[in-house]
Amino acid sequence: MRTHRIVAMALVMSMAMLSGSSIAPAGAQRLRAGTTMDVRLETNISTDDTHPGDSWSGTVTRDVYSRGQVVIPAGSQVSGEVTNSVQGDHHTRPSLDLAVRSVEIDGYSRPISATTPTIVADSKRARKLGAIALGVAGGAVLGGAVGGKKGAVIGGLLGGGTSYGLTRHALRTMQLKPGTEIEFTIDQNVAMRY
């Protein structure tokens, strides 16, 4: 009789693993894939100096619920990773891909996988997020701040030097400033142990 129970339990656990679902252990809440999480960046992220694998940090801005219970409270710290960073040129606009890798709850870091769609400079979504895209004008402003009128001219030339036309694709750099709020979607079911 005992052997039958062990075999039955093993079959149930094997089927759950094969179906891709996770079994939440006692003392845990399960977040389903597709659950959203709003995060406010605490780190400046720019395509100018950010590379895949670089880390960033942020804060959850709203409680994340599962079955009517708060699983990730607002104010929880998150750690993330830049998964792709593309500088713009004449043919492409700068873009960033970001992912959340862990969330800290009650002093304990818990692994989580959450992503957001690619953020592309000068797109409707990037403008909504407040992303700053710099090209010729950005170079001129920076040059002016450093070297006055002469610096503005030189900065404008340098800012536009990587692209030989004044098109909307001439944007070279995109920046997400601290305070930018981004919605992430949890990629796979996860048990948050307490």
C-alpha atoms as a PDB file:
ATOM      1  CA  MET A   1       0.000   0.000   0.000  1.00  0.00           C
ATOM      2  CA  ARG A   2       2.785   2.409   0.930  1.00  0.00           C
ATOM      3  CA  THR A   3       4.615   1.639  -2.319  1.00  0.00           C
ATOM      4  CA  HIS A   4       1.481   2.601  -4.299  1.00  0.00           C
ATOM      5  CA  ARG A   5       1.326   5.995  -2.562  1.00  0.00           C
ATOM      6  CA  ILE A   6       4.995   6.701  -3.291  1.00  0.00           C
ATOM      7  CA  VAL A   7       4.568   5.723  -6.941  1.00  0.00           C
ATOM      8  CA  ALA A   8       1.403   7.828  -7.256  1.00  0.00           C
ATOM      9  CA  MET A   9       3.136  10.849  -5.692  1.00  0.00           C
ATOM     10  CA  ALA A  10       6.126  10.431  -8.003  1.00  0.00           C
ATOM     11  CA  LEU A  11       3.804  10.273 -11.035  1.00  0.00           C
ATOM     12  CA  VAL A  12       1.967  13.450 -10.003  1.00  0.00           C
ATOM     13  CA  MET A  13       5.235  15.333  -9.458  1.00  0.00           C
ATOM     14  CA  SER A  14       6.654  14.089 -12.785  1.00  0.00           C
ATOM     15  CA  MET A  15       3.535  15.180 -14.675  1.00  0.00           C
ATOM     16  CA  ALA A  16       3.682  18.616 -13.046  1.00  0.00           C
ATOM     17  CA  MET A  17       7.334  19.016 -14.047  1.00  0.00           C
ATOM     18  CA  LEU A  18       6.657  17.930 -17.613  1.00  0.00           C
ATOM     19  CA  SER A  19       3.760  20.365 -17.972  1.00  0.00           C
ATOM     20  CA  GLY A  20       6.019  23.258 -16.952  1.00  0.00           C
ATOM     21  CA  SER A  21       4.012  24.150 -13.871  1.00  0.00           C
ATOM     22  CA  SER A  22       5.541  24.548 -10.465  1.00  0.00           C
ATOM     23  CA  ILE A  23       4.150  23.121  -7.282  1.00  0.00           C
ATOM     24  CA  ALA A  24       4.138  25.750  -4.568  1.00  0.00           C
ATOM     25  CA  PRO A  25       5.524  24.302  -1.354  1.00  0.00           C
ATOM     26  CA  ALA A  26       3.910  24.958   1.996  1.00  0.00           C
ATOM     27  CA  GLY A  27       4.509  28.542   3.112  1.00  0.00           C
ATOM     28  CA  ALA A  28       4.689  29.839  -0.459  1.00  0.00           C
ATOM     29  CA  GLN A  29       2.513  31.795  -2.855  1.00  0.00           C
ATOM     30  CA  ARG A  30       2.697  31.082  -6.555  1.00  0.00           C
ATOM     31  CA  LEU A  31       2.826  33.851  -9.137  1.00  0.00           C
ATOM     32  CA  ARG A  32       1.619  32.758 -12.535  1.00  0.00           C
ATOM     33  CA  ALA A  33       3.390  33.541 -15.775  1.00  0.00           C
ATOM     34  CA  GLY A  34       1.813  36.664 -17.271  1.00  0.00           C
ATOM     35  CA  THR A  35       1.479  38.475 -13.938  1.00  0.00           C
ATOM     36  CA  THR A  36       2.651  42.084 -14.291  1.00  0.00           C
ATOM     37  CA  MET A  37       4.932  44.026 -11.961  1.00  0.00           C
ATOM     38  CA  ASP A  38       5.522  47.808 -12.114  1.00  0.00           C
ATOM     39  CA  VAL A  39       9.104  48.873 -11.370  1.00  0.00           C
ATOM     40  CA  ARG A  40      10.617  52.346 -10.902  1.00  0.00           C
ATOM     41  CA  LEU A  41      14.261  52.504 -12.011  1.00  0.00           C
ATOM     42  CA  GLU A  42      16.857  53.660  -9.482  1.00  0.00           C
ATOM     43  CA  THR A  43      19.695  53.349 -11.992  1.00  0.00           C
ATOM     44  CA  ASN A  44      20.463  55.472 -15.039  1.00  0.00           C
ATOM     45  CA  ILE A  45      20.520  53.200 -18.117  1.00  0.00           C
ATOM     46  CA  SER A  46      21.951  54.510 -21.382  1.00  0.00           C
ATOM     47  CA  THR A  47      22.798  52.761 -24.635  1.00  0.00           C
ATOM     48  CA  ASP A  48      25.939  54.918 -24.638  1.00  0.00           C
ATOM     49  CA  ASP A  49      27.636  53.016 -21.798  1.00  0.00           C
ATOM     50  CA  THR A  50      25.443  50.001 -21.015  1.00  0.00           C
ATOM     51  CA  HIS A  51      26.156  46.489 -22.282  1.00  0.00           C
ATOM     52  CA  PRO A  52      24.326  43.140 -22.112  1.00  0.00           C
ATOM     53  CA  GLY A  53      24.902  41.617 -18.680  1.00  0.00           C
ATOM     54  CA  ASP A  54      25.112  44.976 -16.854  1.00  0.00           C
ATOM     55  CA  SER A  55      22.982  45.183 -13.731  1.00  0.00           C
ATOM     56  CA  TRP A  56      20.432  47.779 -12.707  1.00  0.00           C
ATOM     57  CA  SER A  57      18.191  48.278  -9.668  1.00  0.00           C
ATOM     58  CA  GLY A  58      14.651  49.431  -9.049  1.00  0.00           C
ATOM     59  CA  THR A  59      11.666  49.416  -6.722  1.00  0.00           C
ATOM     60  CA  VAL A  60       8.255  47.757  -7.125  1.00  0.00           C
ATOM     61  CA  THR A  61       5.691  50.593  -7.228  1.00  0.00           C
ATOM     62  CA  ARG A  62       2.460  48.610  -6.651  1.00  0.00           C
ATOM     63  CA  ASP A  63       1.599  45.477  -4.711  1.00  0.00           C
ATOM     64  CA  VAL A  64       1.672  42.298  -6.818  1.00  0.00           C
ATOM     65  CA  TYR A  65      -1.208  39.945  -5.969  1.00  0.00           C
ATOM     66  CA  SER A  66      -1.940  36.251  -6.333  1.00  0.00           C
ATOM     67  CA  ARG A  67      -5.330  34.852  -5.326  1.00  0.00           C
ATOM     68  CA  GLY A  68      -6.187  38.053  -3.486  1.00  0.00           C
ATOM     69  CA  GLN A  69      -3.027  38.091  -1.367  1.00  0.00           C
ATOM     70  CA  VAL A  70      -0.038  40.398  -1.696  1.00  0.00           C
ATOM     71  CA  VAL A  71       2.945  38.328  -2.832  1.00  0.00           C
ATOM     72  CA  ILE A  72       5.359  41.152  -3.689  1.00  0.00           C
ATOM     73  CA  PRO A  73       4.664  44.326  -1.689  1.00  0.00           C
ATOM     74  CA  ALA A  74       5.166  47.802  -3.117  1.00  0.00           C
ATOM     75  CA  GLY A  75       8.575  49.113  -2.089  1.00  0.00           C
ATOM     76  CA  SER A  76      10.335  45.778  -2.641  1.00  0.00           C
ATOM     77  CA  GLN A  77      13.776  46.171  -4.223  1.00  0.00           C
ATOM     78  CA  VAL A  78      14.473  44.441  -7.525  1.00  0.00           C
ATOM     79  CA  SER A  79      17.718  43.597  -9.270  1.00  0.00           C
ATOM     80  CA  GLY A  80      17.733  43.492 -13.019  1.00  0.00           C
ATOM     81  CA  GLU A  81      19.931  42.870 -16.006  1.00  0.00           C
ATOM     82  CA  VAL A  82      20.349  44.593 -19.358  1.00  0.00           C
ATOM     83  CA  THR A  83      19.799  41.773 -21.857  1.00  0.00           C
ATOM     84  CA  ASN A  84      20.455  43.868 -24.981  1.00  0.00           C
ATOM     85  CA  SER A  85      21.714  47.401 -25.685  1.00  0.00           C
ATOM     86  CA  VAL A  86      21.917  48.779 -29.207  1.00  0.00           C
ATOM     87  CA  GLN A  87      23.450  52.138 -30.182  1.00  0.00           C
ATOM     88  CA  GLY A  88      21.631  53.902 -32.986  1.00  0.00           C
ATOM     89  CA  ASP A  89      23.094  54.631 -36.399  1.00  0.00           C
ATOM     90  CA  HIS A  90      21.776  55.803 -39.753  1.00  0.00           C
ATOM     91  CA  HIS A  91      19.773  52.603 -40.226  1.00  0.00           C
ATOM     92  CA  THR A  92      18.618  51.682 -36.721  1.00  0.00           C
ATOM     93  CA  ARG A  93      17.323  53.424 -33.648  1.00  0.00           C
ATOM     94  CA  PRO A  94      18.868  52.766 -30.237  1.00  0.00           C
ATOM     95  CA  SER A  95      17.079  50.162 -28.138  1.00  0.00           C
ATOM     96  CA  LEU A  96      17.213  48.440 -24.758  1.00  0.00           C
ATOM     97  CA  ASP A  97      15.991  45.096 -23.443  1.00  0.00           C
ATOM     98  CA  LEU A  98      15.681  44.748 -19.663  1.00  0.00           C
ATOM     99  CA  ALA A  99      14.845  41.861 -17.340  1.00  0.00           C
ATOM    100  CA  VAL A 100      14.163  41.504 -13.607  1.00  0.00           C
ATOM    101  CA  ARG A 101      16.270  38.703 -12.080  1.00  0.00           C
ATOM    102  CA  SER A 102      15.440  38.906  -8.354  1.00  0.00           C
ATOM    103  CA  VAL A 103      13.209  40.672  -5.855  1.00  0.00           C
ATOM    104  CA  GLU A 104      13.992  41.307  -2.193  1.00  0.00           C
ATOM    105  CA  ILE A 105      11.145  40.644   0.239  1.00  0.00           C
ATOM    106  CA  ASP A 106      11.587  40.872   4.013  1.00  0.00           C
ATOM    107  CA  GLY A 107      15.370  40.979   3.614  1.00  0.00           C
ATOM    108  CA  TYR A 108      15.567  37.855   1.450  1.00  0.00           C
ATOM    109  CA  SER A 109      16.408  37.854  -2.250  1.00  0.00           C
ATOM    110  CA  ARG A 110      14.174  35.612  -4.338  1.00  0.00           C
ATOM    111  CA  PRO A 111      14.895  34.686  -7.973  1.00  0.00           C
ATOM    112  CA  ILE A 112      12.314  35.744 -10.533  1.00  0.00           C
ATOM    113  CA  SER A 113      12.275  36.098 -14.313  1.00  0.00           C
ATOM    114  CA  ALA A 114      10.338  39.050 -15.707  1.00  0.00           C
ATOM    115  CA  THR A 115      10.816  40.942 -18.962  1.00  0.00           C
ATOM    116  CA  THR A 116       9.447  43.946 -20.790  1.00  0.00           C
ATOM    117  CA  PRO A 117       9.114  44.461 -24.543  1.00  0.00           C
ATOM    118  CA  THR A 118      12.091  46.091 -26.271  1.00  0.00           C
ATOM    119  CA  ILE A 119      12.263  49.848 -25.671  1.00  0.00           C
ATOM    120  CA  VAL A 120      13.109  51.574 -28.984  1.00  0.00           C
ATOM    121  CA  ALA A 121      14.115  55.264 -29.088  1.00  0.00           C
ATOM    122  CA  ASP A 122      11.536  57.672 -30.508  1.00  0.00           C
ATOM    123  CA  SER A 123       8.806  55.009 -30.404  1.00  0.00           C
ATOM    124  CA  LYS A 124       5.433  55.773 -28.862  1.00  0.00           C
ATOM    125  CA  ARG A 125       6.305  53.530 -25.918  1.00  0.00           C
ATOM    126  CA  ALA A 126       9.713  55.175 -25.358  1.00  0.00           C
ATOM    127  CA  ARG A 127       8.110  58.641 -25.380  1.00  0.00           C
ATOM    128  CA  LYS A 128       5.493  57.433 -22.872  1.00  0.00           C
ATOM    129  CA  LEU A 129       8.286  56.140 -20.602  1.00  0.00           C
ATOM    130  CA  GLY A 130      10.151  59.441 -20.947  1.00  0.00           C
ATOM    131  CA  ALA A 131      13.201  57.931 -22.636  1.00  0.00           C
ATOM    132  CA  ILE A 132      15.618  60.568 -23.848  1.00  0.00           C
ATOM    133  CA  ALA A 133      17.114  60.094 -27.302  1.00  0.00           C
ATOM    134  CA  LEU A 134      20.185  62.099 -28.298  1.00  0.00           C
ATOM    135  CA  GLY A 135      21.647  62.790 -31.723  1.00  0.00           C
ATOM    136  CA  VAL A 136      22.817  66.036 -33.299  1.00  0.00           C
ATOM    137  CA  ALA A 137      20.826  68.210 -30.883  1.00  0.00           C
ATOM    138  CA  GLY A 138      22.073  66.262 -27.869  1.00  0.00           C
ATOM    139  CA  GLY A 139      25.660  66.664 -29.013  1.00  0.00           C
ATOM    140  CA  ALA A 140      25.142  70.402 -29.495  1.00  0.00           C
ATOM    141  CA  VAL A 141      23.650  70.834 -26.018  1.00  0.00           C
ATOM    142  CA  LEU A 142      26.443  68.847 -24.417  1.00  0.00           C
ATOM    143  CA  GLY A 143      29.100  70.699 -26.423  1.00  0.00           C
ATOM    144  CA  GLY A 144      27.533  74.045 -25.500  1.00  0.00           C
ATOM    145  CA  ALA A 145      27.602  73.184 -21.831  1.00  0.00           C
ATOM    146  CA  VAL A 146      31.264  72.286 -22.028  1.00  0.00           C
ATOM    147  CA  GLY A 147      32.655  74.808 -24.508  1.00  0.00           C
ATOM    148  CA  GLY A 148      30.146  77.617 -25.109  1.00  0.00           C
ATOM    149  CA  LYS A 149      29.079  78.543 -28.664  1.00  0.00           C
ATOM    150  CA  LYS A 150      32.130  77.015 -30.297  1.00  0.00           C
ATOM    151  CA  GLY A 151      31.619  73.819 -28.288  1.00  0.00           C
ATOM    152  CA  ALA A 152      27.956  73.699 -29.348  1.00  0.00           C
ATOM    153  CA  VAL A 153      28.953  73.735 -33.011  1.00  0.00           C
ATOM    154  CA  ILE A 154      31.628  71.083 -32.496  1.00  0.00           C
ATOM    155  CA  GLY A 155      29.293  68.974 -30.324  1.00  0.00           C
ATOM    156  CA  GLY A 156      26.549  69.207 -32.952  1.00  0.00           C
ATOM    157  CA  LEU A 157      28.937  68.019 -35.628  1.00  0.00           C
ATOM    158  CA  LEU A 158      30.186  65.174 -33.432  1.00  0.00           C
ATOM    159  CA  GLY A 159      26.656  64.227 -32.361  1.00  0.00           C
ATOM    160  CA  GLY A 160      25.595  63.911 -35.973  1.00  0.00           C
ATOM    161  CA  GLY A 161      28.883  62.514 -37.242  1.00  0.00           C
ATOM    162  CA  THR A 162      27.829  58.883 -36.938  1.00  0.00           C
ATOM    163  CA  SER A 163      24.884  59.415 -39.246  1.00  0.00           C
ATOM    164  CA  TYR A 164      25.078  61.332 -42.481  1.00  0.00           C
ATOM    165  CA  GLY A 165      21.485  62.511 -42.689  1.00  0.00           C
ATOM    166  CA  LEU A 166      19.055  64.341 -40.479  1.00  0.00           C
ATOM    167  CA  THR A 167      16.464  61.594 -40.332  1.00  0.00           C
ATOM    168  CA  ARG A 168      14.513  60.302 -37.378  1.00  0.00           C
ATOM    169  CA  HIS A 169      16.932  57.351 -37.422  1.00  0.00           C
ATOM    170  CA  ALA A 170      19.861  59.673 -36.716  1.00  0.00           C
ATOM    171  CA  LEU A 171      19.231  59.205 -32.994  1.00  0.00           C
ATOM    172  CA  ARG A 172      22.340  57.638 -31.550  1.00  0.00           C
ATOM    173  CA  THR A 173      21.785  57.213 -27.811  1.00  0.00           C
ATOM    174  CA  MET A 174      18.781  56.461 -25.611  1.00  0.00           C
ATOM    175  CA  GLN A 175      18.682  57.028 -21.870  1.00  0.00           C
ATOM    176  CA  LEU A 176      16.277  55.841 -19.169  1.00  0.00           C
ATOM    177  CA  LYS A 177      16.652  58.052 -16.113  1.00  0.00           C
ATOM    178  CA  PRO A 178      16.116  57.072 -12.470  1.00  0.00           C
ATOM    179  CA  GLY A 179      12.409  57.395 -11.698  1.00  0.00           C
ATOM    180  CA  THR A 180      11.308  55.892 -15.023  1.00  0.00           C
ATOM    181  CA  GLU A 181       8.450  53.420 -14.418  1.00  0.00           C
ATOM    182  CA  ILE A 182       8.348  50.246 -16.509  1.00  0.00           C
ATOM    183  CA  GLU A 183       5.874  47.349 -16.510  1.00  0.00           C
ATOM    184  CA  PHE A 184       7.478  43.892 -16.478  1.00  0.00           C
ATOM    185  CA  THR A 185       5.714  40.570 -17.121  1.00  0.00           C
ATOM    186  CA  ILE A 186       6.674  37.449 -15.188  1.00  0.00           C
ATOM    187  CA  ASP A 187       7.859  34.859 -17.724  1.00  0.00           C
ATOM    188  CA  GLN A 188       7.197  31.624 -15.846  1.00  0.00           C
ATOM    189  CA  ASN A 189       5.338  30.378 -12.814  1.00  0.00           C
ATOM    190  CA  VAL A 190       7.329  31.002  -9.643  1.00  0.00           C
ATOM    191  CA  ALA A 191       6.831  30.010  -6.008  1.00  0.00           C
ATOM    192  CA  MET A 192       7.653  32.871  -3.625  1.00  0.00           C
ATOM    193  CA  ARG A 193       8.673  31.222  -0.333  1.00  0.00           C
ATOM    194  CA  TYR A 194       7.972  32.963   2.960  1.00  0.00           C
END
